[in-house]
Amino acid sequence: GEAVTEADLDGTAWVSTNVAGHDLVDETQVTMSFADGNLGFSAGCNQMSSGYEVVDGRLELTGEVASTMMACDAELEAQDDWLAGLLADGADLTLAGGLIVVVDDVEIELVEQGS
């Protein structure tokens, strides 16, 4: 399909249905939301956010990642760090009935919330 654009994503929110290449902590999901050039994301503990842009279908974070500072289990905090680091590396995006986020050997499949 065509390359994903910021316009495709603006105002949408997503929740993961499957993550390949990484074992999520039980009972957790990856969430991502896009609004007005800001990406909000979570891996089960803190809500994190950053500016973003999409260039040729590739997600690039454009600023420092801000995070709430909730106290969580170490494994959940580590999972937050994993997701933030993953997205900071830049991710290839595909819209195909859902949103597919690919970074190296990790693939996150998400469905739109409220759809």
Protein backbone atom coordinates (compact mmCIF):
# COMPACT_ATOMS: atom_id res chain seq x y z
CA GLY A 1 0.00 0.00 0.00
CA GLU A 2 0.93 3.65 0.05
CA ALA A 3 3.29 5.01 2.67
CA VAL A 4 1.63 5.90 5.94
CA THR A 5 1.43 9.65 6.60
CA GLU A 6 0.90 11.80 9.68
CA ALA A 7 -2.57 12.63 8.32
CA ASP A 8 -3.44 8.92 8.36
CA LEU A 9 -2.53 8.69 12.03
CA ASP A 10 -3.67 12.03 13.46
CA GLY A 11 -6.48 11.56 15.96
CA THR A 12 -6.13 7.79 16.18
CA ALA A 13 -5.41 5.52 19.13
CA TRP A 14 -4.18 1.93 18.97
CA VAL A 15 -3.74 -1.07 21.23
CA SER A 16 -1.55 -4.07 20.53
CA THR A 17 -2.99 -7.46 19.71
CA ASN A 18 0.32 -9.20 19.09
CA VAL A 19 3.99 -8.48 19.60
CA ALA A 20 6.56 -10.62 17.79
CA GLY A 21 10.23 -10.58 18.71
CA HIS A 22 9.68 -9.51 22.33
CA ASP A 23 7.84 -11.14 25.22
CA LEU A 24 5.52 -8.66 26.89
CA VAL A 25 4.87 -8.93 30.60
CA ASP A 26 1.66 -10.89 31.21
CA GLU A 27 -1.54 -8.86 31.04
CA THR A 28 0.12 -5.87 29.38
CA GLN A 29 -0.33 -4.28 25.99
CA VAL A 30 1.40 -1.63 23.97
CA THR A 31 -0.75 1.44 23.28
CA MET A 32 -0.02 4.27 20.88
CA SER A 33 -2.00 7.43 20.13
CA PHE A 34 -1.34 10.19 17.65
CA ALA A 35 -2.62 13.77 17.92
CA ASP A 36 -1.38 17.07 16.56
CA GLY A 37 2.18 15.93 16.05
CA ASN A 38 2.42 14.21 19.41
CA LEU A 39 2.77 10.48 19.96
CA GLY A 40 1.55 9.06 23.24
CA PHE A 41 2.56 5.51 24.10
CA SER A 42 2.60 3.04 26.93
CA ALA A 43 3.78 -0.48 27.60
CA GLY A 44 1.77 -1.09 30.73
CA CYS A 45 3.11 1.35 33.29
CA ASN A 46 3.89 4.98 32.53
CA GLN A 47 2.33 7.13 29.85
CA MET A 48 5.10 8.41 27.62
CA SER A 49 4.98 11.02 24.90
CA SER A 50 7.13 12.67 22.28
CA GLY A 51 6.80 14.78 19.21
CA TYR A 52 6.85 12.72 16.04
CA GLU A 53 6.91 12.93 12.29
CA VAL A 54 6.38 10.35 9.61
CA VAL A 55 8.87 10.40 6.75
CA ASP A 56 8.34 7.96 3.88
CA GLY A 57 6.26 5.70 6.10
CA ARG A 58 8.84 5.76 8.88
CA LEU A 59 8.01 6.99 12.38
CA GLU A 60 10.64 9.32 13.81
CA LEU A 61 10.51 10.81 17.30
CA THR A 62 11.35 14.51 17.17
CA GLY A 63 12.00 15.30 20.81
CA GLU A 64 12.87 13.95 24.19
CA VAL A 65 10.48 11.35 25.53
CA ALA A 66 8.49 12.66 28.48
CA SER A 67 7.08 10.18 30.95
CA THR A 68 4.83 10.03 33.96
CA MET A 69 6.73 8.74 36.97
CA MET A 70 4.49 6.06 38.38
CA ALA A 71 6.06 3.46 40.60
CA CYS A 72 5.76 0.11 38.86
CA ASP A 73 7.26 -3.31 39.06
CA ALA A 74 10.79 -3.44 37.74
CA GLU A 75 9.70 -5.62 34.83
CA LEU A 76 7.09 -3.05 33.80
CA GLU A 77 9.57 -0.19 34.07
CA ALA A 78 12.00 -2.21 31.97
CA GLN A 79 9.25 -2.76 29.41
CA ASP A 80 8.61 1.00 29.26
CA ASP A 81 12.30 1.56 28.63
CA TRP A 82 12.25 -1.13 25.94
CA LEU A 83 9.35 0.48 24.09
CA ALA A 84 10.78 4.01 24.35
CA GLY A 85 14.13 2.81 23.07
CA LEU A 86 12.51 0.83 20.29
CA LEU A 87 10.52 3.79 18.99
CA ALA A 88 13.47 6.16 19.40
CA ASP A 89 15.33 4.04 16.84
CA GLY A 90 12.67 4.83 14.24
CA ALA A 91 9.94 2.41 13.19
CA ASP A 92 8.49 1.38 9.86
CA LEU A 93 4.72 1.76 9.79
CA THR A 94 2.16 -0.14 7.74
CA LEU A 95 -1.61 0.28 7.78
CA ALA A 96 -3.26 -2.97 6.75
CA GLY A 97 -6.52 -3.43 8.60
CA GLY A 98 -4.56 -2.31 11.63
CA LEU A 99 -1.28 -0.61 12.37
CA ILE A 100 1.93 -2.62 12.10
CA VAL A 101 5.05 -1.17 13.70
CA VAL A 102 8.35 -2.81 12.75
CA VAL A 103 11.76 -2.11 14.28
CA ASP A 104 14.50 -4.55 13.36
CA ASP A 105 13.20 -8.00 14.40
CA VAL A 106 10.31 -6.70 16.51
CA GLU A 107 6.84 -6.42 15.01
CA ILE A 108 3.93 -4.91 16.93
CA GLU A 109 0.42 -5.37 15.53
CA LEU A 110 -2.20 -2.92 16.81
CA VAL A 111 -5.91 -2.37 16.28
CA GLU A 112 -7.63 0.98 16.46
CA GLN A 113 -9.38 1.69 19.74
CA GLY A 114 -13.02 2.63 19.56
CA SER A 115 -13.38 1.34 16.03
